[in-house]
Amino acid sequence: MSSLFSDHPLLAALFLLFLDMLLWRLIGSRGDYWKLAVRVLIFSLYSLMLFNQGMNPMQAAPWPDDVPLHLAATGLEIGWWLFGARTLTVLLGTLMMQRVGHTGRLLQDLMGAVIFLIAIIAALAYVLELPVKGVLATSGALAIIVGLALQSTLSDLFSGIVLNTTKPYQIDDWIAIDGTEGRVLDIDWRATRLQTSQGSMVVIPNSLASKAKITNFSRPVDVHGLSVSVQVSPHARPQKVIEALERATLGCRLLLSTPAASVAMKSTSSSGAEYEISGFVADMGHKREVRNQLFDLAFRHLQASGIGLLSAAEPVQAATLSRPRALLDASSIFSTLRQDEKDTFSQNMHLQTYRAGETILAQGEVSDHLFIIESGVVSVTMQRDGKPFEAGRMGPGRSSAKPAWWPIKPQWRSLRPRPSAASTASTTSSSSPAWMRATTSTRP
């Protein structure tokens, strides 16, 4: 084999080209640096063989009298230009990957195309000795025609370069482009692909994305904003509504304490007043769950304050039941009782008010009363591995009966209101529920 290559060096050079393609496939995509090292080594050996045989890629191939050998040498010299262009592209691409990551793939492809174009023109000028000026003039006219025909495609191409350079979003970011919201799957030379929350894929041309308003929900990484709006009666006092909605935000543990959630009145009219609850979560995946919790908590805290949400089908009406009786209707554990039984229970209920931080039921304590929260937020603290942790929060209508999220054998730490006070109704073990109010004004 060695004697064959030594006697036919051009054949050895051709063998190096096939060896490069074979090793490129065998190494795989994870060995980028090994692939680069192998390619540079083989290109160096390939260049050494050509120059040792008197072949210079800057000149036409020798042996014009031997047509087969001349054609083979010409092909190998053209191959040298293309091989060099590919090696340079891989080298620059590997260096760029360290700086811009996978989002710079479009720039790498464009740079590779320019390098190959230069290599082809150089091969035509030096190896084939063609008049490059005429080729460039012809290609320039052709480029104008193609550019006019592919105007929208070229617009997408250069817009993609701008997007990859400025990086308003990256792969896996959750963004919204002109109202279309989704997770970024890919950014190529033509378009940006998004996966919506419904699982469908949306393809947005880069030219449209570069001109549109882009909202990136993934920046900053650990803070994601959300907001919900509720409408109440225009006759309700705004401060009373805001306090009830602020207590609702305290009942949602997934909301971040910093930045703190806020409540603001957006608008009012004869048909209703609109209030907006704004807050932040640490994970994009929690936004839908938190929105649902806020709507439920807002309904319960507004109801506990005697304020109802507006409904076109069921207008808000003034409550005719007493506070203890209405509280029994709001509690799910009394849903199976008859109306007369609820009336009897409500007559034996009494109000208890607790300040923020005050313990309602301490660890190991067994109460003869059943506590039902009328207003405010109550924190349930338990022990796990000897350390206290907050197991949950309870709002209006919830009772001291075991919630679904408690363990089978809970180890009580304490039941205590969140800042600043709480009011409950209690009932004795015989038949008298009591009610509890926990009014809270600030987030811990």
Protein backbone atom coordinates (compact mmCIF):
# COMPACT_ATOMS: atom_id res chain seq x y z
CA MET A 1 0.00 0.00 0.00
CA SER A 2 2.82 2.42 0.90
CA SER A 3 4.64 1.67 -2.35
CA LEU A 4 1.43 2.31 -4.29
CA PHE A 5 1.02 5.74 -2.72
CA SER A 6 4.70 6.60 -3.12
CA ASP A 7 4.57 5.69 -6.81
CA HIS A 8 1.25 7.51 -7.32
CA PRO A 9 1.18 10.56 -5.00
CA LEU A 10 -1.87 11.99 -6.75
CA LEU A 11 -3.76 8.84 -5.81
CA ALA A 12 -2.58 9.32 -2.22
CA ALA A 13 -3.92 12.89 -2.26
CA LEU A 14 -7.29 11.61 -3.49
CA PHE A 15 -7.23 9.01 -0.72
CA LEU A 16 -6.76 11.77 1.86
CA LEU A 17 -9.94 13.46 0.64
CA PHE A 18 -11.97 10.27 1.12
CA LEU A 19 -10.28 9.66 4.49
CA ASP A 20 -11.32 13.12 5.65
CA MET A 21 -14.97 12.51 4.73
CA LEU A 22 -14.92 9.09 6.43
CA LEU A 23 -13.40 10.35 9.69
CA TRP A 24 -15.76 13.33 9.71
CA ARG A 25 -18.72 10.95 9.85
CA LEU A 26 -17.16 8.48 12.28
CA ILE A 27 -16.17 11.02 14.95
CA GLY A 28 -19.74 12.33 15.31
CA SER A 29 -21.16 15.67 16.38
CA ARG A 30 -19.84 15.56 19.98
CA GLY A 31 -16.16 15.54 19.00
CA ASP A 32 -16.04 18.98 17.39
CA TYR A 33 -12.48 19.68 18.47
CA TRP A 34 -11.28 16.24 17.34
CA LYS A 35 -12.97 16.76 13.98
CA LEU A 36 -11.30 20.14 13.62
CA ALA A 37 -7.87 18.72 14.52
CA VAL A 38 -8.23 15.81 12.07
CA ARG A 39 -9.38 18.12 9.28
CA VAL A 40 -6.49 20.55 9.78
CA LEU A 41 -4.00 17.65 9.87
CA ILE A 42 -5.36 16.03 6.70
CA PHE A 43 -5.48 19.38 4.88
CA SER A 44 -1.83 19.98 5.82
CA LEU A 45 -0.82 16.53 4.50
CA TYR A 46 -2.88 17.12 1.35
CA SER A 47 -1.17 20.48 0.73
CA LEU A 48 2.27 18.92 1.37
CA MET A 49 1.66 16.20 -1.22
CA LEU A 50 0.56 18.69 -3.87
CA PHE A 51 3.52 21.02 -3.39
CA ASN A 52 5.96 18.09 -3.33
CA GLN A 53 4.70 17.08 -6.77
CA GLY A 54 5.28 20.56 -8.15
CA MET A 55 1.60 21.49 -8.10
CA ASN A 56 0.78 25.03 -7.03
CA PRO A 57 -2.94 25.87 -6.56
CA MET A 58 -2.03 29.47 -7.46
CA GLN A 59 -1.10 28.31 -10.96
CA ALA A 60 -2.52 26.10 -13.66
CA ALA A 61 -1.86 22.37 -13.34
CA PRO A 62 1.42 21.09 -14.88
CA TRP A 63 1.80 18.34 -17.49
CA PRO A 64 -0.29 19.92 -20.27
CA ASP A 65 0.98 17.25 -22.71
CA ASP A 66 -0.39 14.41 -20.57
CA VAL A 67 -4.12 15.10 -20.74
CA PRO A 68 -5.33 12.51 -18.16
CA LEU A 69 -2.65 13.53 -15.66
CA HIS A 70 -3.29 17.23 -16.35
CA LEU A 71 -7.04 16.81 -15.73
CA ALA A 72 -6.39 14.87 -12.51
CA ALA A 73 -3.98 17.54 -11.28
CA THR A 74 -6.49 20.27 -12.17
CA GLY A 75 -9.19 18.51 -10.19
CA LEU A 76 -6.90 18.10 -7.18
CA GLU A 77 -5.95 21.80 -7.26
CA ILE A 78 -9.61 22.83 -7.42
CA GLY A 79 -10.22 20.39 -4.57
CA TRP A 80 -7.47 22.14 -2.60
CA TRP A 81 -9.35 25.44 -2.77
CA LEU A 82 -12.65 23.84 -1.74
CA PHE A 83 -10.96 21.75 0.95
CA GLY A 84 -9.25 24.86 2.31
CA ALA A 85 -12.54 26.79 2.29
CA ARG A 86 -14.24 24.02 4.24
CA THR A 87 -11.38 23.80 6.75
CA LEU A 88 -11.42 27.56 7.30
CA THR A 89 -15.21 27.52 7.72
CA VAL A 90 -15.03 24.77 10.35
CA LEU A 91 -12.21 26.56 12.17
CA LEU A 92 -14.03 29.90 12.34
CA GLY A 93 -17.31 28.16 13.19
CA THR A 94 -15.74 26.37 16.15
CA LEU A 95 -14.25 29.61 17.43
CA MET A 96 -17.57 31.45 17.00
CA MET A 97 -19.48 28.68 18.81
CA GLN A 98 -17.55 29.51 21.99
CA ARG A 99 -18.67 33.14 21.84
CA VAL A 100 -22.18 33.15 20.37
CA GLY A 101 -23.35 29.56 20.93
CA HIS A 102 -25.87 27.81 18.72
CA THR A 103 -27.84 31.00 18.06
CA GLY A 104 -24.97 32.13 15.79
CA ARG A 105 -25.47 29.22 13.39
CA LEU A 106 -26.99 31.56 10.80
CA LEU A 107 -23.88 33.76 10.84
CA GLN A 108 -21.69 30.69 10.44
CA ASP A 109 -23.68 29.49 7.43
CA LEU A 110 -23.52 32.91 5.79
CA MET A 111 -19.80 33.21 6.48
CA GLY A 112 -19.25 29.72 5.03
CA ALA A 113 -21.14 30.67 1.87
CA VAL A 114 -18.96 33.77 1.40
CA ILE A 115 -15.74 31.77 1.94
CA PHE A 116 -16.80 29.12 -0.58
CA LEU A 117 -17.73 31.81 -3.10
CA ILE A 118 -14.27 33.35 -2.77
CA ALA A 119 -12.66 29.90 -3.11
CA ILE A 120 -14.63 29.14 -6.29
CA ILE A 121 -13.67 32.48 -7.86
CA ALA A 122 -10.02 31.92 -6.90
CA ALA A 123 -10.06 28.42 -8.43
CA LEU A 124 -11.53 29.80 -11.65
CA ALA A 125 -8.91 32.56 -11.80
CA TYR A 126 -5.76 30.65 -10.78
CA VAL A 127 -6.35 27.01 -11.71
CA LEU A 128 -8.55 27.31 -14.80
CA GLU A 129 -7.14 30.74 -15.79
CA LEU A 130 -10.57 32.08 -16.72
CA PRO A 131 -11.19 35.85 -17.06
CA VAL A 132 -12.57 36.63 -13.62
CA LYS A 133 -13.66 40.14 -14.56
CA GLY A 134 -16.12 38.79 -17.08
CA VAL A 135 -17.33 36.19 -14.61
CA LEU A 136 -17.80 38.83 -11.93
CA ALA A 137 -19.66 41.14 -14.31
CA THR A 138 -21.95 38.33 -15.39
CA SER A 139 -22.48 37.15 -11.83
CA GLY A 140 -23.18 40.75 -10.73
CA ALA A 141 -25.95 41.15 -13.27
CA LEU A 142 -27.29 37.74 -12.32
CA ALA A 143 -27.16 38.71 -8.64
CA ILE A 144 -29.29 41.79 -9.32
CA ILE A 145 -31.92 39.69 -11.09
CA VAL A 146 -31.93 37.05 -8.36
CA GLY A 147 -32.02 39.73 -5.65
CA LEU A 148 -35.14 41.33 -7.11
CA ALA A 149 -36.81 37.95 -7.47
CA LEU A 150 -35.91 36.89 -3.92
CA GLN A 151 -36.43 40.22 -2.21
CA SER A 152 -38.60 38.86 0.62
CA THR A 153 -36.27 35.90 1.17
CA LEU A 154 -33.23 38.17 1.35
CA SER A 155 -35.12 40.40 3.77
CA ASP A 156 -35.69 37.37 6.01
CA LEU A 157 -32.00 36.46 5.67
CA PHE A 158 -30.60 39.82 6.76
CA SER A 159 -33.27 40.19 9.44
CA GLY A 160 -32.14 36.82 10.77
CA ILE A 161 -28.57 38.15 10.93
CA VAL A 162 -29.77 41.16 12.94
CA LEU A 163 -31.77 38.94 15.32
CA ASN A 164 -28.81 36.61 15.86
CA THR A 165 -26.51 39.57 16.47
CA THR A 166 -28.72 41.59 18.84
CA LYS A 167 -30.21 38.48 20.51
CA PRO A 168 -33.60 39.79 21.71
CA TYR A 169 -34.44 36.13 22.35
CA GLN A 170 -32.68 32.76 22.33
CA ILE A 171 -33.56 29.08 22.04
CA ASP A 172 -36.00 27.95 24.80
CA ASP A 173 -37.00 31.54 25.67
CA TRP A 174 -40.73 32.16 26.13
CA ILE A 175 -41.63 35.18 24.00
CA ALA A 176 -44.53 36.98 22.36
CA ILE A 177 -44.25 38.44 18.84
CA ASP A 178 -47.20 40.63 17.85
CA GLY A 179 -49.49 38.75 20.22
CA THR A 180 -48.26 35.27 19.24
CA GLU A 181 -46.88 33.68 22.41
CA GLY A 182 -44.73 30.56 22.61
CA ARG A 183 -41.36 28.96 23.35
CA VAL A 184 -38.54 29.47 20.81
CA LEU A 185 -37.70 26.16 19.13
CA ASP A 186 -35.35 27.30 16.37
CA ILE A 187 -33.96 30.39 14.64
CA ASP A 188 -32.73 29.74 11.11
CA TRP A 189 -31.88 31.88 8.08
CA ARG A 190 -35.54 32.41 7.15
CA ALA A 191 -37.83 32.22 10.18
CA THR A 192 -38.27 31.81 13.93
CA ARG A 193 -40.26 28.80 15.11
CA LEU A 194 -42.38 28.98 18.26
CA GLN A 195 -44.21 26.26 20.16
CA THR A 196 -47.41 27.63 21.68
CA SER A 197 -48.96 26.58 24.99
CA GLN A 198 -51.43 24.46 22.96
CA GLY A 199 -48.54 22.45 21.52
CA SER A 200 -48.80 23.80 17.96
CA MET A 201 -45.87 25.31 16.03
CA VAL A 202 -45.93 28.85 14.66
CA VAL A 203 -43.45 29.94 11.96
CA ILE A 204 -42.75 33.70 11.99
CA PRO A 205 -40.60 35.16 9.16
CA ASN A 206 -37.51 36.94 10.45
CA SER A 207 -38.41 40.11 8.55
CA LEU A 208 -41.70 40.28 10.47
CA ALA A 209 -40.04 39.48 13.81
CA SER A 210 -37.42 42.20 13.36
CA LYS A 211 -40.12 44.86 12.87
CA ALA A 212 -42.58 43.61 15.49
CA LYS A 213 -42.84 44.31 19.20
CA ILE A 214 -41.13 41.42 21.01
CA THR A 215 -41.86 40.57 24.64
CA ASN A 216 -39.39 38.17 26.24
CA PHE A 217 -40.94 36.56 29.33
CA SER A 218 -37.72 34.64 30.10
CA ARG A 219 -35.64 37.74 30.88
CA PRO A 220 -34.71 38.16 33.67
CA VAL A 221 -34.38 34.45 34.28
CA ASP A 222 -35.94 34.16 37.76
CA VAL A 223 -38.73 36.76 37.60
CA HIS A 224 -41.83 36.39 35.42
CA GLY A 225 -44.67 38.88 35.68
CA LEU A 226 -48.39 38.16 35.47
CA SER A 227 -51.63 40.02 36.04
CA VAL A 228 -55.32 39.25 36.40
CA SER A 229 -58.25 41.65 36.22
CA VAL A 230 -61.53 41.45 38.14
CA GLN A 231 -64.66 43.57 37.89
CA VAL A 232 -66.80 44.43 40.88
CA SER A 233 -69.75 46.67 41.62
CA PRO A 234 -69.01 50.36 41.01
CA HIS A 235 -70.68 51.12 44.36
CA ALA A 236 -68.07 49.17 46.35
CA ARG A 237 -65.56 51.35 48.19
CA PRO A 238 -62.21 51.10 46.33
CA GLN A 239 -60.09 50.86 49.49
CA LYS A 240 -62.19 47.96 50.75
CA VAL A 241 -61.82 46.15 47.42
CA ILE A 242 -58.05 46.74 47.30
CA GLU A 243 -57.59 45.42 50.84
CA ALA A 244 -59.57 42.27 50.00
CA LEU A 245 -57.52 41.68 46.84
CA GLU A 246 -54.26 42.27 48.73
CA ARG A 247 -55.30 39.56 51.17
CA ALA A 248 -55.94 37.34 48.15
CA THR A 249 -52.33 37.79 47.01
CA LEU A 250 -51.11 36.73 50.45
CA GLY A 251 -52.99 33.45 50.08
CA CYS A 252 -50.98 32.45 47.00
CA ARG A 253 -47.63 30.97 48.06
CA LEU A 254 -46.23 30.80 44.52
CA LEU A 255 -46.19 34.59 44.21
CA LEU A 256 -42.78 36.07 44.96
CA SER A 257 -42.51 38.30 48.00
CA THR A 258 -39.87 40.38 46.18
CA PRO A 259 -40.91 42.09 43.95
CA ALA A 260 -44.14 42.24 45.93
CA ALA A 261 -47.56 41.79 44.38
CA SER A 262 -49.70 44.90 43.96
CA VAL A 263 -53.33 45.84 43.38
CA ALA A 264 -54.47 48.85 41.36
CA MET A 265 -57.78 50.23 40.19
CA LYS A 266 -57.72 50.44 36.39
CA SER A 267 -61.06 51.98 35.47
CA THR A 268 -64.59 52.59 36.66
CA SER A 269 -67.92 53.18 34.97
CA SER A 270 -71.62 52.82 35.66
CA SER A 271 -71.41 49.15 34.67
CA GLY A 272 -68.57 48.19 37.02
CA ALA A 273 -65.11 48.93 38.39
CA GLU A 274 -62.05 47.04 37.13
CA TYR A 275 -59.11 46.15 39.40
CA GLU A 276 -55.82 44.55 38.37
CA ILE A 277 -53.69 42.22 40.49
CA SER A 278 -50.02 42.15 39.43
CA GLY A 279 -47.35 39.81 40.74
CA PHE A 280 -44.30 37.75 39.89
CA VAL A 281 -43.43 34.05 39.89
CA ALA A 282 -40.07 32.30 39.71
CA ASP A 283 -41.05 29.79 37.02
CA MET A 284 -42.91 30.36 33.75
CA GLY A 285 -44.69 27.05 34.24
CA HIS A 286 -46.46 28.41 37.34
CA LYS A 287 -48.15 31.36 35.62
CA ARG A 288 -51.34 29.55 34.63
CA GLU A 289 -51.68 27.90 38.06
CA VAL A 290 -51.14 31.20 39.86
CA ARG A 291 -53.69 32.99 37.67
CA ASN A 292 -56.29 30.36 38.50
CA GLN A 293 -55.47 30.59 42.21
CA LEU A 294 -55.71 34.37 42.19
CA PHE A 295 -59.16 34.31 40.57
CA ASP A 296 -60.38 31.82 43.17
CA LEU A 297 -58.81 33.69 46.08
CA ALA A 298 -60.11 37.03 44.81
CA PHE A 299 -63.63 35.62 44.63
CA ARG A 300 -63.47 34.24 48.18
CA HIS A 301 -61.89 37.32 49.77
CA LEU A 302 -64.26 39.70 47.99
CA GLN A 303 -67.19 37.56 49.04
CA ALA A 304 -65.93 37.56 52.62
CA SER A 305 -65.85 41.37 52.46
CA GLY A 306 -69.40 41.52 51.14
CA ILE A 307 -68.31 42.38 47.60
CA GLY A 308 -69.30 40.25 44.63
CA LEU A 309 -67.79 39.89 41.15
CA LEU A 310 -69.89 41.29 38.32
CA SER A 311 -71.72 38.81 36.10
CA ALA A 312 -73.89 39.56 33.09
CA ALA A 313 -76.08 36.54 33.77
CA GLU A 314 -76.34 36.92 37.56
CA PRO A 315 -76.21 40.54 38.76
CA VAL A 316 -74.77 41.16 42.17
CA GLN A 317 -77.49 41.34 44.81
CA ALA A 318 -77.34 42.39 48.41
CA ALA A 319 -76.86 39.50 50.81
CA THR A 320 -79.90 38.68 52.96
CA LEU A 321 -78.23 36.10 55.23
CA SER A 322 -76.45 36.86 58.47
CA ARG A 323 -72.66 36.71 58.48
CA PRO A 324 -72.45 33.38 60.36
CA ARG A 325 -75.14 31.86 58.15
CA ALA A 326 -73.45 33.05 54.94
CA LEU A 327 -70.15 31.68 56.21
CA LEU A 328 -71.66 28.20 56.61
CA ASP A 329 -72.91 28.34 53.01
CA ALA A 330 -69.41 29.28 51.84
CA SER A 331 -67.77 26.35 53.66
CA SER A 332 -67.72 23.07 51.74
CA ILE A 333 -67.76 20.87 54.86
CA PHE A 334 -71.34 21.99 55.65
CA SER A 335 -72.68 21.52 52.12
CA THR A 336 -74.55 18.32 53.06
CA LEU A 337 -76.47 19.92 55.95
CA ARG A 338 -80.09 20.98 55.63
CA GLN A 339 -80.99 24.65 55.75
CA ASP A 340 -82.60 24.38 59.18
CA GLU A 341 -79.46 22.67 60.54
CA LYS A 342 -77.32 25.49 59.21
CA ASP A 343 -79.66 28.01 60.84
CA THR A 344 -79.25 26.21 64.18
CA PHE A 345 -75.47 26.11 63.88
CA SER A 346 -75.22 29.77 62.92
CA GLN A 347 -77.05 30.85 66.09
CA ASN A 348 -74.34 29.23 68.25
CA MET A 349 -71.34 30.68 66.38
CA HIS A 350 -69.23 33.45 67.86
CA LEU A 351 -66.56 35.72 66.40
CA GLN A 352 -62.90 35.57 67.38
CA THR A 353 -60.29 38.00 66.09
CA TYR A 354 -56.55 37.18 65.95
CA ARG A 355 -53.70 39.55 65.33
CA ALA A 356 -50.90 38.82 62.89
CA GLY A 357 -48.40 36.29 64.23
CA GLU A 358 -50.70 35.15 67.03
CA THR A 359 -50.96 31.37 67.35
CA ILE A 360 -54.48 30.03 66.84
CA LEU A 361 -53.73 26.36 67.43
CA ALA A 362 -50.30 25.32 68.70
CA GLN A 363 -48.48 22.05 68.17
CA GLY A 364 -50.05 19.19 70.13
CA GLU A 365 -53.06 21.27 71.14
CA VAL A 366 -56.52 19.76 70.60
CA SER A 367 -59.37 22.26 70.41
CA ASP A 368 -63.03 21.64 71.20
CA HIS A 369 -63.96 24.11 68.48
CA LEU A 370 -64.07 23.99 64.72
CA PHE A 371 -62.60 27.17 63.26
CA ILE A 372 -63.92 28.63 60.01
CA ILE A 373 -62.07 31.54 58.43
CA GLU A 374 -64.31 34.49 57.66
CA SER A 375 -61.62 36.82 56.30
CA GLY A 376 -57.86 37.06 56.11
CA VAL A 377 -55.15 34.46 55.51
CA VAL A 378 -54.05 31.77 57.98
CA SER A 379 -50.68 30.00 57.64
CA VAL A 380 -50.33 26.31 58.54
CA THR A 381 -46.82 25.50 59.79
CA MET A 382 -45.76 21.89 60.29
CA GLN A 383 -42.56 19.97 60.99
CA ARG A 384 -40.58 17.85 58.56
CA ASP A 385 -37.36 16.18 59.74
CA GLY A 386 -37.42 18.33 62.84
CA LYS A 387 -37.59 21.59 60.87
CA PRO A 388 -40.66 23.84 60.51
CA PHE A 389 -42.06 24.52 57.06
CA GLU A 390 -45.17 26.21 55.73
CA ALA A 391 -47.52 23.47 54.55
CA GLY A 392 -50.17 25.78 53.19
CA ARG A 393 -52.33 28.86 53.57
CA MET A 394 -56.06 29.02 54.18
CA GLY A 395 -58.46 31.77 53.18
CA PRO A 396 -62.14 32.63 53.69
CA GLY A 397 -64.46 29.64 53.89
CA ARG A 398 -61.72 27.20 54.87
CA SER A 399 -61.89 25.44 58.24
CA SER A 400 -59.55 23.76 60.71
CA ALA A 401 -60.78 20.37 59.50
CA LYS A 402 -57.97 18.44 57.75
CA PRO A 403 -57.41 19.80 54.21
CA ALA A 404 -56.64 17.46 51.32
CA TRP A 405 -52.98 18.47 51.21
CA TRP A 406 -52.23 17.56 54.86
CA PRO A 407 -50.43 14.25 55.51
CA ILE A 408 -52.35 11.36 57.08
CA LYS A 409 -50.63 11.89 60.45
CA PRO A 410 -49.77 15.60 60.61
CA GLN A 411 -47.42 16.95 63.24
CA TRP A 412 -48.83 20.37 64.06
CA ARG A 413 -46.50 23.29 64.41
CA SER A 414 -49.02 26.13 64.52
CA LEU A 415 -52.00 27.81 62.95
CA ARG A 416 -51.39 31.54 62.82
CA PRO A 417 -52.63 34.52 60.78
CA ARG A 418 -50.53 36.24 58.17
CA PRO A 419 -49.93 39.96 58.86
CA SER A 420 -51.91 41.78 60.24
CA ALA A 421 -54.99 40.16 61.87
CA ALA A 422 -57.46 37.33 61.41
CA SER A 423 -61.05 36.62 62.35
CA THR A 424 -62.60 33.16 62.66
CA ALA A 425 -65.83 31.65 63.72
CA SER A 426 -65.57 28.68 66.05
CA THR A 427 -67.98 25.89 66.85
CA THR A 428 -67.90 23.60 69.85
CA SER A 429 -67.52 19.86 69.47
CA SER A 430 -71.22 19.38 70.13
CA SER A 431 -72.73 21.49 67.40
CA SER A 432 -71.57 25.07 67.41
CA PRO A 433 -69.19 26.30 64.70
CA ALA A 434 -67.20 29.45 65.44
CA TRP A 435 -65.92 31.86 62.86
CA MET A 436 -62.54 33.52 62.50
CA ARG A 437 -61.41 36.70 60.80
CA ALA A 438 -57.79 37.27 59.71
CA THR A 439 -57.29 40.65 58.12
CA THR A 440 -53.96 41.11 56.41
CA SER A 441 -52.61 44.25 54.82
CA THR A 442 -48.94 43.69 53.97
CA ARG A 443 -47.01 40.88 52.36
CA PRO A 444 -44.29 39.26 54.59
